[in-house]
PDB file of N, CA and C in Angstrom:
ATOM      1  N   MET A   1       0.852  -1.057  -0.011  1.00  0.00           N
ATOM      2  CA  MET A   1      -0.045   0.052  -0.084  1.00  0.00           C
ATOM      3  C   MET A   1       0.926   1.205  -0.023  1.00  0.00           C
ATOM      4  N   ASP A   2       1.980   1.335   0.759  1.00  0.00           N
ATOM      5  CA  ASP A   2       2.746   2.396   0.779  1.00  0.00           C
ATOM      6  C   ASP A   2       3.493   2.711  -0.513  1.00  0.00           C
ATOM      7  N   GLY A   3       3.924   1.528  -1.315  1.00  0.00           N
ATOM      8  CA  GLY A   3       4.380   1.734  -2.568  1.00  0.00           C
ATOM      9  C   GLY A   3       3.462   2.386  -3.481  1.00  0.00           C
ATOM     10  N   LEU A   4       2.059   2.000  -3.506  1.00  0.00           N
ATOM     11  CA  LEU A   4       1.092   2.586  -4.342  1.00  0.00           C
ATOM     12  C   LEU A   4       0.888   4.070  -3.910  1.00  0.00           C
ATOM     13  N   ILE A   5       0.849   4.577  -2.782  1.00  0.00           N
ATOM     14  CA  ILE A   5       0.838   5.760  -2.335  1.00  0.00           C
ATOM     15  C   ILE A   5       2.094   6.694  -2.854  1.00  0.00           C
ATOM     16  N   ILE A   6       3.293   6.191  -2.713  1.00  0.00           N
ATOM     17  CA  ILE A   6       4.335   6.742  -3.150  1.00  0.00           C
ATOM     18  C   ILE A   6       4.529   6.874  -4.791  1.00  0.00           C
ATOM     19  N   GLY A   7       3.987   5.912  -5.378  1.00  0.00           N
ATOM     20  CA  GLY A   7       3.853   5.976  -6.887  1.00  0.00           C
ATOM     21  C   GLY A   7       2.896   7.068  -7.358  1.00  0.00           C
ATOM     22  N   ILE A   8       1.825   7.246  -6.540  1.00  0.00           N
ATOM     23  CA  ILE A   8       0.831   8.197  -6.970  1.00  0.00           C
ATOM     24  C   ILE A   8       1.443   9.626  -6.649  1.00  0.00           C
ATOM     25  N   ILE A   9       2.009   9.756  -5.565  1.00  0.00           N
ATOM     26  CA  ILE A   9       2.786  10.987  -5.286  1.00  0.00           C
ATOM     27  C   ILE A   9       3.722  11.422  -6.262  1.00  0.00           C
ATOM     28  N   THR A  10       4.506  10.409  -6.620  1.00  0.00           N
ATOM     29  CA  THR A  10       5.653  10.514  -7.574  1.00  0.00           C
ATOM     30  C   THR A  10       5.029  11.029  -9.090  1.00  0.00           C
ATOM     31  N   GLY A  11       3.860  10.283  -9.453  1.00  0.00           N
ATOM     32  CA  GLY A  11       3.296  10.579 -10.532  1.00  0.00           C
ATOM     33  C   GLY A  11       2.697  12.048 -10.656  1.00  0.00           C
ATOM     34  N   ILE A  12       2.025  12.415  -9.652  1.00  0.00           N
ATOM     35  CA  ILE A  12       1.443  13.789  -9.581  1.00  0.00           C
ATOM     36  C   ILE A  12       2.750  14.809  -9.591  1.00  0.00           C
ATOM     37  N   LEU A  13       3.712  14.629  -8.913  1.00  0.00           N
ATOM     38  CA  LEU A  13       4.806  15.448  -8.982  1.00  0.00           C
ATOM     39  C   LEU A  13       5.518  15.591 -10.264  1.00  0.00           C
ATOM     40  N   ALA A  14       5.802  14.392 -10.963  1.00  0.00           N
ATOM     41  CA  ALA A  14       6.332  14.303 -12.254  1.00  0.00           C
ATOM     42  C   ALA A  14       5.622  14.895 -13.310  1.00  0.00           C
ATOM     43  N   GLY A  15       4.269  14.643 -13.176  1.00  0.00           N
ATOM     44  CA  GLY A  15       3.499  15.475 -14.213  1.00  0.00           C
ATOM     45  C   GLY A  15       3.317  16.978 -13.928  1.00  0.00           C
ATOM     46  N   PHE A  16       3.393  17.424 -12.697  1.00  0.00           N
ATOM     47  CA  PHE A  16       3.385  18.845 -12.335  1.00  0.00           C
ATOM     48  C   PHE A  16       4.640  19.497 -12.884  1.00  0.00           C
ATOM     49  N   ILE A  17       5.717  18.850 -12.578  1.00  0.00           N
ATOM     50  CA  ILE A  17       7.141  19.354 -12.958  1.00  0.00           C
ATOM     51  C   ILE A  17       7.276  19.565 -14.486  1.00  0.00           C
ATOM     52  N   ALA A  18       6.781  18.421 -15.109  1.00  0.00           N
ATOM     53  CA  ALA A  18       6.931  18.290 -16.586  1.00  0.00           C
ATOM     54  C   ALA A  18       5.867  19.469 -17.182  1.00  0.00           C
ATOM     55  N   SER A  19       4.664  19.758 -16.528  1.00  0.00           N
ATOM     56  CA  SER A  19       3.687  20.773 -17.040  1.00  0.00           C
ATOM     57  C   SER A  19       4.358  22.085 -16.955  1.00  0.00           C
ATOM     58  N   LYS A  20       4.912  22.285 -15.851  1.00  0.00           N
ATOM     59  CA  LYS A  20       5.662  23.595 -15.510  1.00  0.00           C
ATOM     60  C   LYS A  20       6.762  23.907 -16.399  1.00  0.00           C
ATOM     61  N   LEU A  21       7.646  22.855 -16.651  1.00  0.00           N
ATOM     62  CA  LEU A  21       8.639  23.003 -17.639  1.00  0.00           C
ATOM     63  C   LEU A  21       8.144  23.328 -18.975  1.00  0.00           C
ATOM     64  N   GLN A  22       7.112  22.783 -19.420  1.00  0.00           N
ATOM     65  CA  GLN A  22       6.595  22.977 -20.780  1.00  0.00           C
ATOM     66  C   GLN A  22       5.825  24.135 -20.942  1.00  0.00           C
ATOM     67  N   SER A  23       4.890  24.480 -20.158  1.00  0.00           N
ATOM     68  CA  SER A  23       3.934  25.511 -20.300  1.00  0.00           C
ATOM     69  C   SER A  23       3.913  26.600 -19.039  1.00  0.00           C
ATOM     70  N   GLY A  24       4.636  26.329 -18.141  1.00  0.00           N
ATOM     71  CA  GLY A  24       4.751  27.320 -16.994  1.00  0.00           C
ATOM     72  C   GLY A  24       3.608  27.082 -16.066  1.00  0.00           C
ATOM     73  N   THR A  25       2.664  26.327 -16.228  1.00  0.00           N
ATOM     74  CA  THR A  25       1.540  26.091 -15.198  1.00  0.00           C
ATOM     75  C   THR A  25       1.293  24.535 -15.123  1.00  0.00           C
ATOM     76  N   GLY A  26       0.736  24.026 -13.951  1.00  0.00           N
ATOM     77  CA  GLY A  26       0.305  22.735 -13.904  1.00  0.00           C
ATOM     78  C   GLY A  26      -0.844  22.497 -14.848  1.00  0.00           C
ATOM     79  N   LYS A  27      -1.264  21.068 -15.044  1.00  0.00           N
ATOM     80  CA  LYS A  27      -2.460  20.820 -15.835  1.00  0.00           C
ATOM     81  C   LYS A  27      -3.584  20.471 -14.978  1.00  0.00           C
ATOM     82  N   GLY A  28      -3.552  20.523 -13.716  1.00  0.00           N
ATOM     83  CA  GLY A  28      -4.550  19.962 -12.827  1.00  0.00           C
ATOM     84  C   GLY A  28      -4.214  18.582 -12.247  1.00  0.00           C
ATOM     85  N   LEU A  29      -4.721  18.361 -11.082  1.00  0.00           N
ATOM     86  CA  LEU A  29      -4.254  17.191 -10.336  1.00  0.00           C
ATOM     87  C   LEU A  29      -4.402  15.935 -10.899  1.00  0.00           C
ATOM     88  N   LEU A  30      -5.578  15.613 -11.695  1.00  0.00           N
ATOM     89  CA  LEU A  30      -5.798  14.356 -12.359  1.00  0.00           C
ATOM     90  C   LEU A  30      -4.961  14.315 -13.532  1.00  0.00           C
ATOM     91  N   LEU A  31      -4.850  15.404 -14.421  1.00  0.00           N
ATOM     92  CA  LEU A  31      -4.122  15.279 -15.696  1.00  0.00           C
ATOM     93  C   LEU A  31      -2.574  15.240 -15.364  1.00  0.00           C
ATOM     94  N   ASP A  32      -2.130  15.911 -14.139  1.00  0.00           N
ATOM     95  CA  ASP A  32      -0.787  15.888 -13.915  1.00  0.00           C
ATOM     96  C   ASP A  32      -0.460  14.427 -13.372  1.00  0.00           C
ATOM     97  N   LEU A  33      -1.404  13.719 -12.671  1.00  0.00           N
ATOM     98  CA  LEU A  33      -1.295  12.403 -12.346  1.00  0.00           C
ATOM     99  C   LEU A  33      -1.176  11.553 -13.567  1.00  0.00           C
ATOM    100  N   PHE A  34      -2.059  11.568 -14.362  1.00  0.00           N
ATOM    101  CA  PHE A  34      -2.025  10.722 -15.737  1.00  0.00           C
ATOM    102  C   PHE A  34      -0.660  10.882 -16.379  1.00  0.00           C
ATOM    103  N   LEU A  35      -0.454  12.203 -16.579  1.00  0.00           N
ATOM    104  CA  LEU A  35       0.899  12.536 -17.336  1.00  0.00           C
ATOM    105  C   LEU A  35       1.937  12.048 -16.730  1.00  0.00           C
ATOM    106  N   GLY A  36       2.044  12.002 -15.395  1.00  0.00           N
ATOM    107  CA  GLY A  36       3.348  11.459 -14.683  1.00  0.00           C
ATOM    108  C   GLY A  36       3.176   9.994 -14.728  1.00  0.00           C
ATOM    109  N   ILE A  37       2.188   9.422 -14.632  1.00  0.00           N
ATOM    110  CA  ILE A  37       2.175   7.844 -14.853  1.00  0.00           C
ATOM    111  C   ILE A  37       2.697   7.385 -16.241  1.00  0.00           C
ATOM    112  N   ILE A  38       2.112   7.980 -17.163  1.00  0.00           N
ATOM    113  CA  ILE A  38       2.375   7.582 -18.567  1.00  0.00           C
ATOM    114  C   ILE A  38       3.859   7.990 -18.860  1.00  0.00           C
ATOM    115  N   GLY A  39       4.279   9.190 -18.433  1.00  0.00           N
ATOM    116  CA  GLY A  39       5.674   9.645 -18.432  1.00  0.00           C
ATOM    117  C   GLY A  39       6.617   8.656 -17.818  1.00  0.00           C
ATOM    118  N   GLY A  40       6.262   8.214 -16.725  1.00  0.00           N
ATOM    119  CA  GLY A  40       6.949   7.119 -16.072  1.00  0.00           C
ATOM    120  C   GLY A  40       7.139   5.916 -16.795  1.00  0.00           C
ATOM    121  N   MET A  41       6.141   5.517 -17.421  1.00  0.00           N
ATOM    122  CA  MET A  41       6.146   4.242 -18.232  1.00  0.00           C
ATOM    123  C   MET A  41       6.962   4.491 -19.513  1.00  0.00           C
ATOM    124  N   PHE A  42       6.782   5.580 -20.074  1.00  0.00           N
ATOM    125  CA  PHE A  42       7.539   6.098 -21.370  1.00  0.00           C
ATOM    126  C   PHE A  42       8.993   6.223 -20.957  1.00  0.00           C
ATOM    127  N   GLY A  43       9.157   7.020 -20.053  1.00  0.00           N
ATOM    128  CA  GLY A  43      10.681   7.125 -19.562  1.00  0.00           C
ATOM    129  C   GLY A  43      11.452   5.976 -19.168  1.00  0.00           C
ATOM    130  N   GLY A  44      10.809   5.079 -18.365  1.00  0.00           N
ATOM    131  CA  GLY A  44      11.389   3.749 -18.178  1.00  0.00           C
ATOM    132  C   GLY A  44      11.604   3.065 -19.288  1.00  0.00           C
ATOM    133  N   TRP A  45      10.825   2.995 -20.090  1.00  0.00           N
ATOM    134  CA  TRP A  45      11.029   2.449 -21.357  1.00  0.00           C
ATOM    135  C   TRP A  45      12.298   2.908 -22.282  1.00  0.00           C
ATOM    136  N   LEU A  46      12.195   4.207 -22.317  1.00  0.00           N
ATOM    137  CA  LEU A  46      13.258   5.148 -23.074  1.00  0.00           C
ATOM    138  C   LEU A  46      14.566   4.660 -22.103  1.00  0.00           C
ATOM    139  N   PHE A  47      14.839   4.860 -21.039  1.00  0.00           N
ATOM    140  CA  PHE A  47      15.977   4.697 -20.305  1.00  0.00           C
ATOM    141  C   PHE A  47      16.436   3.403 -20.350  1.00  0.00           C
ATOM    142  N   GLY A  48      15.640   2.376 -20.378  1.00  0.00           N
ATOM    143  CA  GLY A  48      15.954   1.018 -20.587  1.00  0.00           C
ATOM    144  C   GLY A  48      16.651   0.934 -21.953  1.00  0.00           C
ATOM    145  N   LEU A  49      15.956   1.332 -23.067  1.00  0.00           N
ATOM    146  CA  LEU A  49      16.443   1.242 -24.426  1.00  0.00           C
ATOM    147  C   LEU A  49      17.814   1.899 -24.494  1.00  0.00           C
ATOM    148  N   LEU A  50      18.157   2.973 -23.861  1.00  0.00           N
ATOM    149  CA  LEU A  50      19.478   3.625 -23.584  1.00  0.00           C
ATOM    150  C   LEU A  50      20.422   3.057 -22.750  1.00  0.00           C
ATOM    151  N   GLY A  51      19.897   2.162 -21.875  1.00  0.00           N
ATOM    152  CA  GLY A  51      20.780   1.489 -21.013  1.00  0.00           C
ATOM    153  C   GLY A  51      21.122   2.228 -19.809  1.00  0.00           C
ATOM    154  N   ILE A  52      20.263   2.940 -19.409  1.00  0.00           N
ATOM    155  CA  ILE A  52      20.351   4.039 -18.291  1.00  0.00           C
ATOM    156  C   ILE A  52      19.567   3.266 -17.080  1.00  0.00           C
ATOM    157  N   SER A  53      20.240   2.985 -15.935  1.00  0.00           N
ATOM    158  CA  SER A  53      19.635   2.256 -15.017  1.00  0.00           C
ATOM    159  C   SER A  53      19.084   3.535 -13.934  1.00  0.00           C
ATOM    160  N   VAL A  54      17.986   3.392 -13.322  1.00  0.00           N
ATOM    161  CA  VAL A  54      17.312   4.252 -12.470  1.00  0.00           C
ATOM    162  C   VAL A  54      17.228   3.420 -11.046  1.00  0.00           C
ATOM    163  N   ALA A  55      17.667   4.283 -10.214  1.00  0.00           N
ATOM    164  CA  ALA A  55      17.647   3.777  -8.792  1.00  0.00           C
ATOM    165  C   ALA A  55      17.086   4.891  -7.720  1.00  0.00           C
ATOM    166  N   GLY A  56      16.203   4.380  -6.958  1.00  0.00           N
ATOM    167  CA  GLY A  56      15.723   5.091  -5.909  1.00  0.00           C
ATOM    168  C   GLY A  56      14.431   5.918  -6.280  1.00  0.00           C
ATOM    169  N   TRP A  57      13.948   6.619  -5.414  1.00  0.00           N
ATOM    170  CA  TRP A  57      12.711   7.426  -5.579  1.00  0.00           C
ATOM    171  C   TRP A  57      13.199   8.630  -6.554  1.00  0.00           C
ATOM    172  N   LEU A  58      14.279   9.290  -6.329  1.00  0.00           N
ATOM    173  CA  LEU A  58      14.605  10.411  -7.156  1.00  0.00           C
ATOM    174  C   LEU A  58      14.970  10.085  -8.711  1.00  0.00           C
ATOM    175  N   GLY A  59      15.558   8.910  -8.684  1.00  0.00           N
ATOM    176  CA  GLY A  59      15.821   8.518 -10.165  1.00  0.00           C
ATOM    177  C   GLY A  59      14.388   8.196 -10.829  1.00  0.00           C
ATOM    178  N   GLU A  60      13.495   7.552 -10.221  1.00  0.00           N
ATOM    179  CA  GLU A  60      12.219   7.301 -10.763  1.00  0.00           C
ATOM    180  C   GLU A  60      11.547   8.683 -11.133  1.00  0.00           C
ATOM    181  N   LEU A  61      11.593   9.723 -10.157  1.00  0.00           N
ATOM    182  CA  LEU A  61      11.117  11.009 -10.509  1.00  0.00           C
ATOM    183  C   LEU A  61      11.691  11.666 -11.684  1.00  0.00           C
ATOM    184  N   VAL A  62      12.948  11.588 -11.814  1.00  0.00           N
ATOM    185  CA  VAL A  62      13.666  12.093 -13.076  1.00  0.00           C
ATOM    186  C   VAL A  62      13.158  11.554 -14.219  1.00  0.00           C
ATOM    187  N   CYS A  63      13.161   9.987 -14.238  1.00  0.00           N
ATOM    188  CA  CYS A  63      12.655   9.225 -15.436  1.00  0.00           C
ATOM    189  C   CYS A  63      11.322   9.515 -15.861  1.00  0.00           C
ATOM    190  N   ALA A  64      10.387   9.728 -14.701  1.00  0.00           N
ATOM    191  CA  ALA A  64       9.070  10.053 -15.114  1.00  0.00           C
ATOM    192  C   ALA A  64       8.906  11.572 -15.891  1.00  0.00           C
ATOM    193  N   VAL A  65       9.822  12.533 -15.141  1.00  0.00           N
ATOM    194  CA  VAL A  65       9.773  13.841 -15.795  1.00  0.00           C
ATOM    195  C   VAL A  65      10.206  13.913 -17.084  1.00  0.00           C
ATOM    196  N   VAL A  66      11.160  13.186 -17.223  1.00  0.00           N
ATOM    197  CA  VAL A  66      11.803  13.177 -18.679  1.00  0.00           C
ATOM    198  C   VAL A  66      10.736  12.596 -19.670  1.00  0.00           C
ATOM    199  N   GLY A  67      10.190  11.262 -19.245  1.00  0.00           N
ATOM    200  CA  GLY A  67       9.087  10.832 -20.153  1.00  0.00           C
ATOM    201  C   GLY A  67       8.042  11.810 -20.389  1.00  0.00           C
ATOM    202  N   ALA A  68       7.470  12.501 -19.311  1.00  0.00           N
ATOM    203  CA  ALA A  68       6.411  13.405 -19.464  1.00  0.00           C
ATOM    204  C   ALA A  68       6.761  14.531 -20.190  1.00  0.00           C
ATOM    205  N   VAL A  69       7.839  15.113 -20.129  1.00  0.00           N
ATOM    206  CA  VAL A  69       8.305  16.251 -20.872  1.00  0.00           C
ATOM    207  C   VAL A  69       8.304  16.003 -22.391  1.00  0.00           C
ATOM    208  N   ILE A  70       8.891  14.684 -22.704  1.00  0.00           N
ATOM    209  CA  ILE A  70       8.938  14.238 -24.200  1.00  0.00           C
ATOM    210  C   ILE A  70       7.392  14.070 -24.672  1.00  0.00           C
ATOM    211  N   ILE A  71       6.607  13.533 -23.838  1.00  0.00           N
ATOM    212  CA  ILE A  71       5.263  13.263 -24.133  1.00  0.00           C
ATOM    213  C   ILE A  71       4.521  14.667 -24.676  1.00  0.00           C
ATOM    214  N   LEU A  72       4.517  15.744 -23.702  1.00  0.00           N
ATOM    215  CA  LEU A  72       4.139  16.946 -23.809  1.00  0.00           C
ATOM    216  C   LEU A  72       4.603  17.592 -25.079  1.00  0.00           C
ATOM    217  N   TRP A  73       5.832  17.532 -25.321  1.00  0.00           N
ATOM    218  CA  TRP A  73       6.572  18.058 -26.520  1.00  0.00           C
ATOM    219  C   TRP A  73       5.965  17.443 -27.770  1.00  0.00           C
ATOM    220  N   VAL A  74       5.796  16.109 -27.879  1.00  0.00           N
ATOM    221  CA  VAL A  74       5.210  15.402 -28.842  1.00  0.00           C
ATOM    222  C   VAL A  74       3.642  15.931 -29.191  1.00  0.00           C
ATOM    223  N   VAL A  75       3.052  16.016 -28.024  1.00  0.00           N
ATOM    224  CA  VAL A  75       1.566  16.468 -28.281  1.00  0.00           C
ATOM    225  C   VAL A  75       1.457  17.975 -28.780  1.00  0.00           C
ATOM    226  N   SER A  76       2.572  18.734 -28.271  1.00  0.00           N
ATOM    227  CA  SER A  76       2.436  20.095 -28.714  1.00  0.00           C
ATOM    228  C   SER A  76       2.715  20.230 -30.090  1.00  0.00           C
ATOM    229  N   LYS A  77       3.587  19.420 -30.672  1.00  0.00           N
ATOM    230  CA  LYS A  77       3.942  19.414 -32.140  1.00  0.00           C
ATOM    231  C   LYS A  77       2.814  18.756 -32.918  1.00  0.00           C
ATOM    232  N   MET A  78       1.819  18.056 -32.554  1.00  0.00           N
ATOM    233  CA  MET A  78       0.752  17.443 -33.236  1.00  0.00           C
ATOM    234  C   MET A  78      -0.388  18.526 -33.460  1.00  0.00           C
ATOM    235  N   LYS A  79      -0.314  19.522 -32.713  1.00  0.00           N
ATOM    236  CA  LYS A  79      -1.419  20.472 -32.608  1.00  0.00           C
ATOM    237  C   LYS A  79      -1.327  21.301 -33.834  1.00  0.00           C
TER     238      LYS A  79
END
């Protein structure tokens, strides 16, 4: 249960940071959470592809932020 709560908090934080980096504002709690979770999965896949290992909570947060920023960038280019 603690891991789930930490994962949710990490997702919200990663989505919020990515939103702030891309547009200067957060996107709202639920959208930041969704963005952080999807960004974490994409970032984990990308880091694995590049052979970069992620250790600890801070590493997971960085990985999720990188993934979320890339997703936001791609979405902005599709508009």
